[in-house]
Amino acid sequence: MDKFRILLLHPDPQVRAELRQALGVVDFVRVVGEAVTAFEAMELIEAVPYGALLLGFDLPGGVSGAELAQMLTQRKRRPALVFVAGDESLAYKAFELEALDYLRWPAEPGRFEKTLQRLRAFRSTFKEAPLPEPRAWSQGRDEDDDEDEGGLVKLPLGEEDEDRFLSALRQAWDFKGRSPEIERLPITLDGKLILVPYDEIIFVEAYEDYSYVHTAQNKFLTSHRLKDLEVRLRAHRFFRVHRKYLVNLDMVTEIASLPGSNFMLRTTIKGKTRIELPVSRRRIAELKGILGL
């Protein structure tokens, strides 16, 4: 039987290195990739049939480890989840998410062996899918383009499925320059994960280190930072009109000129409620360019 494929998903490179080293001497597992964000992990999961993920709760990019776990609940072949954390404060949350184990790291003597026992038992009932067929490498890119600035994905060399994995991994690297395929924003509300379609978002408002996401029906307080959402939603016709506001341009119905060379965006919801948002002076030129004015 092939070795049980493991994906390491954690923002701390030292933790990933230590986990890789600890797993490297285990005879029935093989670490096949590392990731830092949930989006990178999802791309790899689509390309490689992982048996288990060792993941952290706090991930950059706007989607936490808990939110990723909830996204994976509907998959036909859901990999085992082992949450890795510095203390035990989130253990209950991990098991609520049906995690196979919760591992405090660095692990106490003998504790890591218990995790391996659980992985071995899970492996005996987990039907792994075959590796995907090789795909053509993307054209028009230099080898230097493949070096992610954060070193987010690594792979071990030397086993027979290496070539196929390299091809699958290239597909994940290609993800860097494009938007997520699922055009929805994950938001945790009352312990549940809801996915808000981008085209239902009217605007996003900065609030300290958080943000409010406004739709026609709701106002959600989220852990997403405005600058991160600006990057994520730019390709979907969202524009940051002000240091506090990110606006869906498809929702804008009017641009009003105000005294003092100031401007205001307006949108009307269901013909009744009108929302007005200021446009900062330094952003008006770029906005006019986008709108062809």
C-alpha atoms as a PDB file:
ATOM      1  CA  MET A   1       0.000   0.000   0.000  1.00  0.00           C
ATOM      2  CA  ASP A   2       1.217   3.509  -0.833  1.00  0.00           C
ATOM      3  CA  LYS A   3       2.223   5.765   1.992  1.00  0.00           C
ATOM      4  CA  PHE A   4      -0.451   7.908   3.609  1.00  0.00           C
ATOM      5  CA  ARG A   5      -0.139  11.397   2.091  1.00  0.00           C
ATOM      6  CA  ILE A   6       0.065  14.306   4.534  1.00  0.00           C
ATOM      7  CA  LEU A   7      -0.343  18.038   3.918  1.00  0.00           C
ATOM      8  CA  LEU A   8       1.138  20.473   6.436  1.00  0.00           C
ATOM      9  CA  LEU A   9      -0.872  23.703   6.710  1.00  0.00           C
ATOM     10  CA  HIS A  10       0.595  26.145   9.206  1.00  0.00           C
ATOM     11  CA  PRO A  11       1.822  29.764   9.076  1.00  0.00           C
ATOM     12  CA  ASP A  12       4.950  29.090  11.162  1.00  0.00           C
ATOM     13  CA  PRO A  13       7.790  27.646   9.041  1.00  0.00           C
ATOM     14  CA  GLN A  14       9.540  26.294  12.151  1.00  0.00           C
ATOM     15  CA  VAL A  15       6.462  24.302  13.162  1.00  0.00           C
ATOM     16  CA  ARG A  16       6.167  22.923   9.620  1.00  0.00           C
ATOM     17  CA  ALA A  17       9.843  21.968   9.614  1.00  0.00           C
ATOM     18  CA  GLU A  18       9.556  20.222  12.984  1.00  0.00           C
ATOM     19  CA  LEU A  19       6.439  18.330  11.917  1.00  0.00           C
ATOM     20  CA  ARG A  20       8.082  17.279   8.666  1.00  0.00           C
ATOM     21  CA  GLN A  21      11.113  16.020  10.567  1.00  0.00           C
ATOM     22  CA  ALA A  22       8.962  14.108  13.047  1.00  0.00           C
ATOM     23  CA  LEU A  23       6.907  12.524  10.282  1.00  0.00           C
ATOM     24  CA  GLY A  24       9.951  11.774   8.143  1.00  0.00           C
ATOM     25  CA  VAL A  25      10.865   8.723  10.244  1.00  0.00           C
ATOM     26  CA  VAL A  26       7.327   7.279  10.246  1.00  0.00           C
ATOM     27  CA  ASP A  27       7.084   4.324   7.896  1.00  0.00           C
ATOM     28  CA  PHE A  28       3.460   4.622   6.752  1.00  0.00           C
ATOM     29  CA  VAL A  29       3.176   8.369   6.022  1.00  0.00           C
ATOM     30  CA  ARG A  30       4.704  10.761   3.546  1.00  0.00           C
ATOM     31  CA  VAL A  31       4.550  14.564   3.702  1.00  0.00           C
ATOM     32  CA  VAL A  32       3.504  15.678   0.220  1.00  0.00           C
ATOM     33  CA  GLY A  33       3.398  19.451   0.337  1.00  0.00           C
ATOM     34  CA  GLU A  34       3.191  22.412   2.668  1.00  0.00           C
ATOM     35  CA  ALA A  35       0.902  25.436   2.571  1.00  0.00           C
ATOM     36  CA  VAL A  36       0.330  28.578   4.590  1.00  0.00           C
ATOM     37  CA  THR A  37      -3.156  29.754   3.539  1.00  0.00           C
ATOM     38  CA  ALA A  38      -6.428  27.876   3.203  1.00  0.00           C
ATOM     39  CA  PHE A  39      -6.642  28.798  -0.472  1.00  0.00           C
ATOM     40  CA  GLU A  40      -3.261  27.213  -1.216  1.00  0.00           C
ATOM     41  CA  ALA A  41      -4.353  24.150   0.734  1.00  0.00           C
ATOM     42  CA  MET A  42      -7.605  23.820  -1.227  1.00  0.00           C
ATOM     43  CA  GLU A  43      -5.723  23.989  -4.518  1.00  0.00           C
ATOM     44  CA  LEU A  44      -3.393  21.220  -3.386  1.00  0.00           C
ATOM     45  CA  ILE A  45      -6.291  19.142  -2.035  1.00  0.00           C
ATOM     46  CA  GLU A  46      -7.971  19.341  -5.446  1.00  0.00           C
ATOM     47  CA  ALA A  47      -4.794  18.094  -7.110  1.00  0.00           C
ATOM     48  CA  VAL A  48      -3.470  15.530  -4.627  1.00  0.00           C
ATOM     49  CA  PRO A  49      -5.469  12.821  -2.757  1.00  0.00           C
ATOM     50  CA  TYR A  50      -4.369  13.618   0.788  1.00  0.00           C
ATOM     51  CA  GLY A  51      -5.186  11.270   3.626  1.00  0.00           C
ATOM     52  CA  ALA A  52      -4.668  13.824   6.381  1.00  0.00           C
ATOM     53  CA  LEU A  53      -4.010  17.497   7.092  1.00  0.00           C
ATOM     54  CA  LEU A  54      -1.990  18.750  10.040  1.00  0.00           C
ATOM     55  CA  LEU A  55      -3.193  22.319  10.325  1.00  0.00           C
ATOM     56  CA  GLY A  56      -3.267  25.371  12.542  1.00  0.00           C
ATOM     57  CA  PHE A  57      -6.259  27.487  13.491  1.00  0.00           C
ATOM     58  CA  ASP A  58      -4.839  30.926  12.715  1.00  0.00           C
ATOM     59  CA  LEU A  59      -4.052  31.190   9.000  1.00  0.00           C
ATOM     60  CA  PRO A  60      -3.350  34.293   6.905  1.00  0.00           C
ATOM     61  CA  GLY A  61      -5.468  35.184   3.904  1.00  0.00           C
ATOM     62  CA  GLY A  62      -8.837  35.641   5.580  1.00  0.00           C
ATOM     63  CA  VAL A  63      -9.872  31.990   6.018  1.00  0.00           C
ATOM     64  CA  SER A  64      -9.030  30.215   9.276  1.00  0.00           C
ATOM     65  CA  GLY A  65      -8.278  26.558   9.837  1.00  0.00           C
ATOM     66  CA  ALA A  66     -11.732  26.141  11.391  1.00  0.00           C
ATOM     67  CA  GLU A  67     -13.398  27.653   8.317  1.00  0.00           C
ATOM     68  CA  LEU A  68     -11.378  25.367   6.051  1.00  0.00           C
ATOM     69  CA  ALA A  69     -12.473  22.369   8.127  1.00  0.00           C
ATOM     70  CA  GLN A  70     -16.100  23.386   7.619  1.00  0.00           C
ATOM     71  CA  MET A  71     -15.524  23.726   3.881  1.00  0.00           C
ATOM     72  CA  LEU A  72     -14.210  20.180   3.770  1.00  0.00           C
ATOM     73  CA  THR A  73     -17.218  18.622   5.531  1.00  0.00           C
ATOM     74  CA  GLN A  74     -19.107  18.092   2.264  1.00  0.00           C
ATOM     75  CA  ARG A  75     -16.276  16.330   0.449  1.00  0.00           C
ATOM     76  CA  LYS A  76     -16.801  12.719  -0.475  1.00  0.00           C
ATOM     77  CA  ARG A  77     -13.279  11.814   0.646  1.00  0.00           C
ATOM     78  CA  ARG A  78     -12.602  14.135   3.528  1.00  0.00           C
ATOM     79  CA  PRO A  79      -9.037  13.827   4.807  1.00  0.00           C
ATOM     80  CA  ALA A  80      -8.414  13.394   8.518  1.00  0.00           C
ATOM     81  CA  LEU A  81      -7.792  16.662  10.337  1.00  0.00           C
ATOM     82  CA  VAL A  82      -5.216  17.016  13.093  1.00  0.00           C
ATOM     83  CA  PHE A  83      -5.193  20.522  14.535  1.00  0.00           C
ATOM     84  CA  VAL A  84      -1.811  21.713  15.797  1.00  0.00           C
ATOM     85  CA  ALA A  85      -1.738  24.483  18.404  1.00  0.00           C
ATOM     86  CA  GLY A  86       0.484  25.968  21.086  1.00  0.00           C
ATOM     87  CA  ASP A  87      -1.974  25.339  23.920  1.00  0.00           C
ATOM     88  CA  GLU A  88      -5.179  23.456  24.662  1.00  0.00           C
ATOM     89  CA  SER A  89      -7.593  26.408  24.514  1.00  0.00           C
ATOM     90  CA  LEU A  90      -9.106  25.391  21.158  1.00  0.00           C
ATOM     91  CA  ALA A  91      -9.278  21.639  21.708  1.00  0.00           C
ATOM     92  CA  TYR A  92     -13.051  21.623  22.210  1.00  0.00           C
ATOM     93  CA  LYS A  93     -13.521  23.635  19.008  1.00  0.00           C
ATOM     94  CA  ALA A  94     -11.342  21.166  17.096  1.00  0.00           C
ATOM     95  CA  PHE A  95     -13.392  18.162  18.147  1.00  0.00           C
ATOM     96  CA  GLU A  96     -16.600  20.055  17.368  1.00  0.00           C
ATOM     97  CA  LEU A  97     -15.216  20.206  13.837  1.00  0.00           C
ATOM     98  CA  GLU A  98     -14.829  16.397  13.891  1.00  0.00           C
ATOM     99  CA  ALA A  99     -11.048  16.530  14.021  1.00  0.00           C
ATOM    100  CA  LEU A 100      -9.229  13.235  14.320  1.00  0.00           C
ATOM    101  CA  ASP A 101      -6.908  14.712  16.930  1.00  0.00           C
ATOM    102  CA  TYR A 102      -5.719  17.902  18.594  1.00  0.00           C
ATOM    103  CA  LEU A 103      -1.974  18.059  19.034  1.00  0.00           C
ATOM    104  CA  ARG A 104      -0.286  20.595  21.265  1.00  0.00           C
ATOM    105  CA  TRP A 105       3.077  21.422  19.735  1.00  0.00           C
ATOM    106  CA  PRO A 106       5.833  20.918  20.737  1.00  0.00           C
ATOM    107  CA  ALA A 107       4.321  17.634  21.840  1.00  0.00           C
ATOM    108  CA  GLU A 108       4.963  16.078  25.209  1.00  0.00           C
ATOM    109  CA  PRO A 109       6.839  12.731  25.277  1.00  0.00           C
ATOM    110  CA  GLY A 110       4.623   9.966  23.939  1.00  0.00           C
ATOM    111  CA  ARG A 111       1.824  12.270  22.810  1.00  0.00           C
ATOM    112  CA  PHE A 112       2.862  12.364  19.133  1.00  0.00           C
ATOM    113  CA  GLU A 113       2.768   8.549  19.055  1.00  0.00           C
ATOM    114  CA  LYS A 114      -0.929   8.690  19.986  1.00  0.00           C
ATOM    115  CA  THR A 115      -1.568  10.929  17.007  1.00  0.00           C
ATOM    116  CA  LEU A 116       0.248   8.452  14.767  1.00  0.00           C
ATOM    117  CA  GLN A 117      -1.869   5.614  16.154  1.00  0.00           C
ATOM    118  CA  ARG A 118      -5.022   7.525  15.274  1.00  0.00           C
ATOM    119  CA  LEU A 119      -3.713   8.274  11.782  1.00  0.00           C
ATOM    120  CA  ARG A 120      -2.859   4.608  11.272  1.00  0.00           C
ATOM    121  CA  ALA A 121      -6.345   3.554  12.372  1.00  0.00           C
ATOM    122  CA  PHE A 122      -7.954   6.154  10.121  1.00  0.00           C
ATOM    123  CA  ARG A 123      -5.825   5.020   7.204  1.00  0.00           C
ATOM    124  CA  SER A 124      -7.176   1.486   7.471  1.00  0.00           C
ATOM    125  CA  THR A 125     -10.697   2.761   6.685  1.00  0.00           C
ATOM    126  CA  PHE A 126      -9.814   5.609   4.319  1.00  0.00           C
ATOM    127  CA  LYS A 127     -10.035   4.866   0.625  1.00  0.00           C
ATOM    128  CA  GLU A 128      -7.494   7.019  -1.129  1.00  0.00           C
ATOM    129  CA  ALA A 129      -8.223   8.303  -4.599  1.00  0.00           C
ATOM    130  CA  PRO A 130      -5.559   7.743  -7.269  1.00  0.00           C
ATOM    131  CA  LEU A 131      -3.191  10.550  -8.064  1.00  0.00           C
ATOM    132  CA  PRO A 132      -4.364  12.765 -10.950  1.00  0.00           C
ATOM    133  CA  GLU A 133      -3.018  12.201 -14.420  1.00  0.00           C
ATOM    134  CA  PRO A 134      -0.135  14.456 -15.443  1.00  0.00           C
ATOM    135  CA  ARG A 135      -1.112  17.802 -16.966  1.00  0.00           C
ATOM    136  CA  ALA A 136       0.808  20.071 -19.266  1.00  0.00           C
ATOM    137  CA  TRP A 137       2.945  22.682 -17.561  1.00  0.00           C
ATOM    138  CA  SER A 138       1.846  26.283 -18.021  1.00  0.00           C
ATOM    139  CA  GLN A 139       3.467  28.106 -20.889  1.00  0.00           C
ATOM    140  CA  GLY A 140       5.152  31.471 -20.915  1.00  0.00           C
ATOM    141  CA  ARG A 141       6.554  31.433 -17.403  1.00  0.00           C
ATOM    142  CA  ASP A 142      10.175  31.502 -16.291  1.00  0.00           C
ATOM    143  CA  GLU A 143      11.425  29.094 -13.675  1.00  0.00           C
ATOM    144  CA  ASP A 144      12.025  32.058 -11.374  1.00  0.00           C
ATOM    145  CA  ASP A 145       8.280  32.735 -11.388  1.00  0.00           C
ATOM    146  CA  ASP A 146       7.696  29.508  -9.494  1.00  0.00           C
ATOM    147  CA  GLU A 147       9.529  30.664  -6.393  1.00  0.00           C
ATOM    148  CA  ASP A 148       6.839  31.885  -4.039  1.00  0.00           C
ATOM    149  CA  GLU A 149       8.069  34.825  -2.025  1.00  0.00           C
ATOM    150  CA  GLY A 150       7.091  33.092   1.202  1.00  0.00           C
ATOM    151  CA  GLY A 151       8.276  29.587   0.283  1.00  0.00           C
ATOM    152  CA  LEU A 152       4.725  28.426   0.814  1.00  0.00           C
ATOM    153  CA  VAL A 153       4.871  25.018  -0.840  1.00  0.00           C
ATOM    154  CA  LYS A 154       7.596  22.409  -0.532  1.00  0.00           C
ATOM    155  CA  LEU A 155       7.853  18.834  -1.726  1.00  0.00           C
ATOM    156  CA  PRO A 156      10.120  15.899  -0.913  1.00  0.00           C
ATOM    157  CA  LEU A 157      11.906  14.197  -3.782  1.00  0.00           C
ATOM    158  CA  GLY A 158      12.830  10.657  -4.633  1.00  0.00           C
ATOM    159  CA  GLU A 159       9.679   8.509  -4.839  1.00  0.00           C
ATOM    160  CA  GLU A 160       7.895   7.133  -7.885  1.00  0.00           C
ATOM    161  CA  ASP A 161       4.926   9.519  -7.867  1.00  0.00           C
ATOM    162  CA  GLU A 162       7.195  12.577  -7.912  1.00  0.00           C
ATOM    163  CA  ASP A 163       6.591  13.505 -11.562  1.00  0.00           C
ATOM    164  CA  ARG A 164       2.831  13.424 -11.230  1.00  0.00           C
ATOM    165  CA  PHE A 165       2.957  15.417  -8.042  1.00  0.00           C
ATOM    166  CA  LEU A 166       5.155  18.056  -9.654  1.00  0.00           C
ATOM    167  CA  SER A 167       2.531  18.513 -12.344  1.00  0.00           C
ATOM    168  CA  ALA A 168      -0.261  18.779  -9.785  1.00  0.00           C
ATOM    169  CA  LEU A 169       1.780  21.165  -7.670  1.00  0.00           C
ATOM    170  CA  ARG A 170       2.299  23.436 -10.670  1.00  0.00           C
ATOM    171  CA  GLN A 171      -1.467  23.839 -10.868  1.00  0.00           C
ATOM    172  CA  ALA A 172      -1.459  25.073  -7.265  1.00  0.00           C
ATOM    173  CA  TRP A 173       1.343  27.535  -7.965  1.00  0.00           C
ATOM    174  CA  ASP A 174      -0.615  28.921 -10.913  1.00  0.00           C
ATOM    175  CA  PHE A 175      -3.320  29.909  -8.430  1.00  0.00           C
ATOM    176  CA  LYS A 176      -1.194  32.802  -7.173  1.00  0.00           C
ATOM    177  CA  GLY A 177      -2.244  35.144  -9.955  1.00  0.00           C
ATOM    178  CA  ARG A 178      -5.968  34.500 -10.144  1.00  0.00           C
ATOM    179  CA  SER A 179      -9.091  34.777  -8.047  1.00  0.00           C
ATOM    180  CA  PRO A 180     -10.619  31.910  -6.075  1.00  0.00           C
ATOM    181  CA  GLU A 181     -12.971  29.844  -8.239  1.00  0.00           C
ATOM    182  CA  ILE A 182     -15.712  29.998  -5.602  1.00  0.00           C
ATOM    183  CA  GLU A 183     -16.727  33.654  -5.633  1.00  0.00           C
ATOM    184  CA  ARG A 184     -18.028  33.723  -2.083  1.00  0.00           C
ATOM    185  CA  LEU A 185     -16.689  35.254   1.101  1.00  0.00           C
ATOM    186  CA  PRO A 186     -16.607  32.907   4.124  1.00  0.00           C
ATOM    187  CA  ILE A 187     -17.975  34.542   7.265  1.00  0.00           C
ATOM    188  CA  THR A 188     -18.380  32.905  10.664  1.00  0.00           C
ATOM    189  CA  LEU A 189     -21.709  33.742  12.305  1.00  0.00           C
ATOM    190  CA  ASP A 190     -22.917  32.207  15.583  1.00  0.00           C
ATOM    191  CA  GLY A 191     -20.559  29.268  15.211  1.00  0.00           C
ATOM    192  CA  LYS A 192     -21.624  28.584  11.625  1.00  0.00           C
ATOM    193  CA  LEU A 193     -19.817  29.303   8.376  1.00  0.00           C
ATOM    194  CA  ILE A 194     -21.828  31.163   5.778  1.00  0.00           C
ATOM    195  CA  LEU A 195     -20.614  31.921   2.273  1.00  0.00           C
ATOM    196  CA  VAL A 196     -21.693  35.327   0.985  1.00  0.00           C
ATOM    197  CA  PRO A 197     -21.630  35.696  -2.822  1.00  0.00           C
ATOM    198  CA  TYR A 198     -19.420  38.550  -3.917  1.00  0.00           C
ATOM    199  CA  ASP A 199     -22.193  40.038  -6.068  1.00  0.00           C
ATOM    200  CA  GLU A 200     -24.418  40.419  -2.985  1.00  0.00           C
ATOM    201  CA  ILE A 201     -21.864  42.559  -1.150  1.00  0.00           C
ATOM    202  CA  ILE A 202     -22.602  46.279  -1.494  1.00  0.00           C
ATOM    203  CA  PHE A 203     -19.627  47.619   0.400  1.00  0.00           C
ATOM    204  CA  VAL A 204     -17.138  46.734   3.131  1.00  0.00           C
ATOM    205  CA  GLU A 205     -16.413  49.083   6.010  1.00  0.00           C
ATOM    206  CA  ALA A 206     -13.220  49.041   8.056  1.00  0.00           C
ATOM    207  CA  TYR A 207     -13.636  48.713  11.805  1.00  0.00           C
ATOM    208  CA  GLU A 208     -10.365  48.691  13.755  1.00  0.00           C
ATOM    209  CA  ASP A 209      -8.661  45.393  12.797  1.00  0.00           C
ATOM    210  CA  TYR A 210     -11.958  43.945  11.567  1.00  0.00           C
ATOM    211  CA  SER A 211     -14.517  44.875   8.951  1.00  0.00           C
ATOM    212  CA  TYR A 212     -18.245  45.073   8.419  1.00  0.00           C
ATOM    213  CA  VAL A 213     -19.555  43.435   5.249  1.00  0.00           C
ATOM    214  CA  HIS A 214     -22.785  45.068   4.111  1.00  0.00           C
ATOM    215  CA  THR A 215     -25.384  43.341   1.930  1.00  0.00           C
ATOM    216  CA  ALA A 216     -28.939  44.416   1.166  1.00  0.00           C
ATOM    217  CA  GLN A 217     -30.260  42.337   4.061  1.00  0.00           C
ATOM    218  CA  ASN A 218     -27.433  42.036   6.578  1.00  0.00           C
ATOM    219  CA  LYS A 219     -24.396  43.622   8.161  1.00  0.00           C
ATOM    220  CA  PHE A 220     -21.724  41.109   9.203  1.00  0.00           C
ATOM    221  CA  LEU A 221     -18.811  41.800  11.533  1.00  0.00           C
ATOM    222  CA  THR A 222     -15.906  39.744  10.194  1.00  0.00           C
ATOM    223  CA  SER A 223     -12.267  39.073  11.055  1.00  0.00           C
ATOM    224  CA  HIS A 224     -11.217  40.061   7.535  1.00  0.00           C
ATOM    225  CA  ARG A 225      -9.090  43.182   7.316  1.00  0.00           C
ATOM    226  CA  LEU A 226     -10.057  45.731   4.694  1.00  0.00           C
ATOM    227  CA  LYS A 227      -6.668  45.708   2.988  1.00  0.00           C
ATOM    228  CA  ASP A 228      -6.851  41.919   2.595  1.00  0.00           C
ATOM    229  CA  LEU A 229     -10.346  42.105   1.135  1.00  0.00           C
ATOM    230  CA  GLU A 230      -9.175  44.837  -1.229  1.00  0.00           C
ATOM    231  CA  VAL A 231      -6.641  42.426  -2.724  1.00  0.00           C
ATOM    232  CA  ARG A 232      -9.090  39.538  -2.774  1.00  0.00           C
ATOM    233  CA  LEU A 233     -11.997  41.425  -4.366  1.00  0.00           C
ATOM    234  CA  ARG A 234     -10.189  43.757  -6.755  1.00  0.00           C
ATOM    235  CA  ALA A 235     -10.688  41.386  -9.697  1.00  0.00           C
ATOM    236  CA  HIS A 236     -14.421  41.311  -8.966  1.00  0.00           C
ATOM    237  CA  ARG A 237     -14.965  45.053  -9.588  1.00  0.00           C
ATOM    238  CA  PHE A 238     -14.518  46.192  -6.018  1.00  0.00           C
ATOM    239  CA  PHE A 239     -12.712  49.487  -5.528  1.00  0.00           C
ATOM    240  CA  ARG A 240     -11.380  51.125  -2.389  1.00  0.00           C
ATOM    241  CA  VAL A 241     -12.873  54.600  -2.581  1.00  0.00           C
ATOM    242  CA  HIS A 242     -11.729  55.641   0.869  1.00  0.00           C
ATOM    243  CA  ARG A 243      -9.423  54.364   3.598  1.00  0.00           C
ATOM    244  CA  LYS A 244     -12.544  53.049   5.358  1.00  0.00           C
ATOM    245  CA  TYR A 245     -14.617  51.797   2.428  1.00  0.00           C
ATOM    246  CA  LEU A 246     -14.378  49.153  -0.286  1.00  0.00           C
ATOM    247  CA  VAL A 247     -17.265  49.342  -2.771  1.00  0.00           C
ATOM    248  CA  ASN A 248     -18.813  46.960  -5.288  1.00  0.00           C
ATOM    249  CA  LEU A 249     -18.836  49.184  -8.376  1.00  0.00           C
ATOM    250  CA  ASP A 250     -21.648  47.179  -9.925  1.00  0.00           C
ATOM    251  CA  MET A 251     -23.875  48.461  -7.114  1.00  0.00           C
ATOM    252  CA  VAL A 252     -23.100  52.142  -7.721  1.00  0.00           C
ATOM    253  CA  THR A 253     -25.985  54.076  -9.263  1.00  0.00           C
ATOM    254  CA  GLU A 254     -24.671  57.643  -9.032  1.00  0.00           C
ATOM    255  CA  ILE A 255     -21.511  59.673  -8.517  1.00  0.00           C
ATOM    256  CA  ALA A 256     -22.295  63.069  -7.036  1.00  0.00           C
ATOM    257  CA  SER A 257     -19.997  66.088  -7.105  1.00  0.00           C
ATOM    258  CA  LEU A 258     -19.933  68.005  -3.835  1.00  0.00           C
ATOM    259  CA  PRO A 259     -18.587  71.455  -2.918  1.00  0.00           C
ATOM    260  CA  GLY A 260     -14.839  71.654  -2.451  1.00  0.00           C
ATOM    261  CA  SER A 261     -14.004  69.192  -5.271  1.00  0.00           C
ATOM    262  CA  ASN A 262     -15.332  66.289  -3.236  1.00  0.00           C
ATOM    263  CA  PHE A 263     -17.252  63.314  -4.561  1.00  0.00           C
ATOM    264  CA  MET A 264     -19.791  60.870  -3.187  1.00  0.00           C
ATOM    265  CA  LEU A 265     -20.891  57.452  -4.444  1.00  0.00           C
ATOM    266  CA  ARG A 266     -24.527  56.543  -4.121  1.00  0.00           C
ATOM    267  CA  THR A 267     -26.359  53.255  -4.424  1.00  0.00           C
ATOM    268  CA  THR A 268     -30.036  52.508  -3.989  1.00  0.00           C
ATOM    269  CA  ILE A 269     -31.272  49.231  -2.488  1.00  0.00           C
ATOM    270  CA  LYS A 270     -34.618  47.991  -3.789  1.00  0.00           C
ATOM    271  CA  GLY A 271     -35.484  51.483  -4.903  1.00  0.00           C
ATOM    272  CA  LYS A 272     -35.795  52.777  -1.340  1.00  0.00           C
ATOM    273  CA  THR A 273     -32.719  52.784   0.871  1.00  0.00           C
ATOM    274  CA  ARG A 274     -29.953  55.045  -0.402  1.00  0.00           C
ATOM    275  CA  ILE A 275     -26.353  54.596   0.714  1.00  0.00           C
ATOM    276  CA  GLU A 276     -23.796  57.369   0.324  1.00  0.00           C
ATOM    277  CA  LEU A 277     -20.060  56.804   0.627  1.00  0.00           C
ATOM    278  CA  PRO A 278     -17.287  59.403   0.295  1.00  0.00           C
ATOM    279  CA  VAL A 279     -14.540  59.175  -2.314  1.00  0.00           C
ATOM    280  CA  SER A 280     -11.142  60.425  -1.190  1.00  0.00           C
ATOM    281  CA  ARG A 281      -9.501  63.004  -3.420  1.00  0.00           C
ATOM    282  CA  ARG A 282      -6.458  60.902  -4.138  1.00  0.00           C
ATOM    283  CA  ARG A 283      -8.603  58.027  -5.389  1.00  0.00           C
ATOM    284  CA  ILE A 284     -11.017  59.910  -7.609  1.00  0.00           C
ATOM    285  CA  ALA A 285      -8.711  59.959 -10.640  1.00  0.00           C
ATOM    286  CA  GLU A 286      -8.228  56.185 -10.539  1.00  0.00           C
ATOM    287  CA  LEU A 287     -11.969  55.669 -10.082  1.00  0.00           C
ATOM    288  CA  LYS A 288     -12.750  57.836 -13.093  1.00  0.00           C
ATOM    289  CA  GLY A 289     -10.280  55.817 -15.121  1.00  0.00           C
ATOM    290  CA  ILE A 290     -11.921  52.555 -14.148  1.00  0.00           C
ATOM    291  CA  LEU A 291     -15.364  53.914 -15.022  1.00  0.00           C
ATOM    292  CA  GLY A 292     -14.128  55.409 -18.297  1.00  0.00           C
ATOM    293  CA  LEU A 293     -14.964  58.991 -17.321  1.00  0.00           C
END
